[in-house]
Amino acid sequence: MKGMKPSQDQNLECVLESAIVLSWADLMRGANNALIHLEYDFAENGTLDHLKIWSSTARGYWLLACSYWMSASKFHERGVHFDNGYESKALAQILEVVMQHQNAFNPLPNLGRLGLLQITTPTEGERTAAAAALNGVSDRASSASPRLC
């Protein structure tokens, strides 16, 4: 995780990446070499509207692991949804906090455009950095203090 330091201002992309790194085992189901794509899109008001987390292992095909929608439609309900047998209580909790308190974080760099994060198998150091980055994120989000990543 490039540049993830607890002393810097926390941005939304960093928090989302950290949540995925900490949930890696749940999303990869024991695969050694893997890749995750996090796609996100914005609502008309500039806030994050939804995101989708896709996983791919050495076999090369992509599976939708998780999605989050800020509002319901006739096709989906609001909130976290796991697909294809994936599940992660920790990821669900952090996504709920982060998505509901987006204004507590620095905005995404491509505000208003589709976004994509690609995350490769994290090292032990990256897992440690992710845990540090997410330490207290719920408290900070509820107090709207943009600090960490």
Protein backbone atom coordinates (compact mmCIF):
# COMPACT_ATOMS: atom_id res chain seq x y z
CA MET A 1 0.00 0.00 0.00
CA LYS A 2 1.79 2.97 -1.32
CA GLY A 3 2.28 5.83 1.09
CA MET A 4 -0.01 4.57 3.82
CA LYS A 5 1.07 6.39 6.97
CA PRO A 6 -1.10 7.01 10.03
CA SER A 7 0.14 10.60 10.28
CA GLN A 8 -1.20 11.74 6.92
CA ASP A 9 -4.71 12.95 6.12
CA GLN A 10 -6.94 9.98 5.48
CA ASN A 11 -8.49 9.60 2.07
CA LEU A 12 -11.40 7.42 1.09
CA GLU A 13 -9.43 5.35 -1.42
CA CYS A 14 -6.81 4.49 1.21
CA VAL A 15 -9.47 3.38 3.68
CA LEU A 16 -11.19 1.19 1.10
CA GLU A 17 -7.88 -0.39 0.11
CA SER A 18 -7.04 -1.04 3.77
CA ALA A 19 -10.42 -2.70 4.34
CA ILE A 20 -9.81 -5.04 1.42
CA VAL A 21 -6.28 -5.89 2.57
CA LEU A 22 -7.56 -6.78 6.04
CA SER A 23 -10.31 -8.92 4.51
CA TRP A 24 -7.97 -10.60 2.03
CA ALA A 25 -8.34 -14.12 3.43
CA ASP A 26 -12.14 -13.89 3.23
CA LEU A 27 -12.05 -12.57 -0.33
CA MET A 28 -9.38 -14.92 -1.69
CA ARG A 29 -10.33 -18.16 0.03
CA GLY A 30 -6.74 -19.28 0.49
CA ALA A 31 -5.43 -18.45 -2.99
CA ASN A 32 -1.76 -17.49 -2.92
CA ASN A 33 -1.59 -15.32 -6.03
CA ALA A 34 -4.62 -13.16 -6.57
CA LEU A 35 -5.86 -9.79 -7.66
CA ILE A 36 -8.79 -7.68 -6.50
CA HIS A 37 -10.46 -4.93 -8.45
CA LEU A 38 -12.47 -2.33 -6.59
CA GLU A 39 -14.74 -0.40 -8.97
CA TYR A 40 -16.60 2.66 -7.75
CA ASP A 41 -18.99 5.23 -9.17
CA PHE A 42 -20.41 8.52 -8.00
CA ALA A 43 -23.90 9.92 -7.54
CA GLU A 44 -24.88 13.24 -9.13
CA ASN A 45 -24.10 15.05 -5.86
CA GLY A 46 -20.45 13.92 -5.99
CA THR A 47 -20.62 11.32 -3.22
CA LEU A 48 -19.71 7.70 -3.75
CA ASP A 49 -22.87 5.95 -4.96
CA HIS A 50 -21.74 2.34 -5.15
CA LEU A 51 -18.76 0.07 -5.30
CA LYS A 52 -18.07 -3.47 -6.47
CA ILE A 53 -15.27 -5.75 -5.35
CA TRP A 54 -14.15 -8.37 -7.87
CA SER A 55 -11.66 -11.16 -7.13
CA SER A 56 -9.48 -13.18 -9.49
CA THR A 57 -7.12 -16.03 -8.73
CA ALA A 58 -4.51 -17.72 -10.89
CA ARG A 59 -7.32 -19.31 -12.92
CA GLY A 60 -7.88 -15.90 -14.48
CA TYR A 61 -11.62 -15.42 -14.18
CA TRP A 62 -13.33 -12.67 -12.18
CA LEU A 63 -16.03 -13.21 -9.58
CA LEU A 64 -18.09 -10.50 -7.95
CA ALA A 65 -17.31 -10.83 -4.26
CA CYS A 66 -19.08 -7.84 -2.75
CA SER A 67 -20.99 -4.70 -3.62
CA TYR A 68 -22.24 -1.70 -1.67
CA TRP A 69 -25.11 0.54 -2.77
CA MET A 70 -25.95 3.83 -1.07
CA SER A 71 -29.59 3.63 -2.13
CA ALA A 72 -32.01 0.88 -3.03
CA SER A 73 -33.51 0.27 -6.45
CA LYS A 74 -35.78 -2.36 -7.93
CA PHE A 75 -32.61 -4.39 -8.67
CA HIS A 76 -30.82 -4.19 -5.30
CA GLU A 77 -31.21 -3.12 -1.69
CA ARG A 78 -29.12 -0.49 0.07
CA GLY A 79 -25.97 -1.61 1.86
CA VAL A 80 -23.46 -4.44 1.64
CA HIS A 81 -24.16 -7.50 -0.51
CA PHE A 82 -21.90 -10.52 -0.83
CA ASP A 83 -22.07 -12.72 -3.92
CA ASN A 84 -20.77 -16.10 -5.09
CA GLY A 85 -20.41 -17.47 -1.57
CA TYR A 86 -18.11 -14.72 -0.31
CA GLU A 87 -18.60 -13.24 3.14
CA SER A 88 -16.63 -11.03 5.50
CA LYS A 89 -18.13 -9.54 8.62
CA ALA A 90 -15.13 -7.22 9.06
CA LEU A 91 -15.38 -5.90 5.50
CA ALA A 92 -19.14 -5.41 5.83
CA GLN A 93 -18.68 -3.37 9.01
CA ILE A 94 -15.98 -1.08 7.64
CA LEU A 95 -17.82 -0.52 4.35
CA GLU A 96 -20.95 0.48 6.23
CA VAL A 97 -19.07 3.02 8.35
CA VAL A 98 -17.02 4.42 5.48
CA MET A 99 -19.87 4.70 2.98
CA GLN A 100 -22.20 6.35 5.49
CA HIS A 101 -19.53 8.84 6.60
CA GLN A 102 -17.80 9.67 3.32
CA ASN A 103 -17.53 13.36 4.22
CA ALA A 104 -15.14 12.44 7.06
CA PHE A 105 -12.46 11.51 4.53
CA ASN A 106 -10.57 13.31 1.81
CA PRO A 107 -12.41 12.80 -1.49
CA LEU A 108 -11.39 10.32 -4.15
CA PRO A 109 -8.94 11.69 -6.73
CA ASN A 110 -11.21 11.14 -9.73
CA LEU A 111 -14.35 12.69 -8.28
CA GLY A 112 -17.26 12.27 -10.66
CA ARG A 113 -15.67 9.61 -12.85
CA LEU A 114 -15.63 5.84 -12.62
CA GLY A 115 -12.78 4.62 -10.46
CA LEU A 116 -10.77 1.44 -10.25
CA LEU A 117 -8.31 0.25 -7.63
CA GLN A 118 -6.21 -2.84 -8.34
CA ILE A 119 -4.89 -4.62 -5.28
CA THR A 120 -2.40 -7.48 -5.42
CA THR A 121 -1.70 -10.05 -2.74
CA PRO A 122 -0.58 -7.98 0.27
CA THR A 123 2.65 -8.53 2.15
CA GLU A 124 2.73 -8.88 5.92
CA GLY A 125 3.95 -5.28 6.13
CA GLU A 126 0.99 -4.09 4.06
CA ARG A 127 -1.40 -5.99 6.34
CA THR A 128 0.17 -4.30 9.36
CA ALA A 129 -0.10 -0.89 7.69
CA ALA A 130 -3.75 -1.56 6.78
CA ALA A 131 -4.59 -2.46 10.37
CA ALA A 132 -2.91 0.74 11.58
CA ALA A 133 -4.75 2.80 8.97
CA LEU A 134 -8.12 1.42 10.03
CA ASN A 135 -7.46 1.61 13.76
CA GLY A 136 -10.18 3.85 15.13
CA VAL A 137 -11.74 4.63 11.74
CA SER A 138 -15.26 4.25 13.18
CA ASP A 139 -14.56 6.80 15.92
CA ARG A 140 -12.92 9.19 13.50
CA ALA A 141 -15.69 8.85 10.92
CA SER A 142 -18.39 9.56 13.46
CA SER A 143 -16.52 12.66 14.63
CA ALA A 144 -15.77 13.67 11.00
CA SER A 145 -12.05 13.94 11.64
CA PRO A 146 -10.15 13.03 8.44
CA ARG A 147 -6.95 11.50 9.86
CA LEU A 148 -5.05 8.23 9.29
CA CYS A 149 -4.03 6.94 5.85
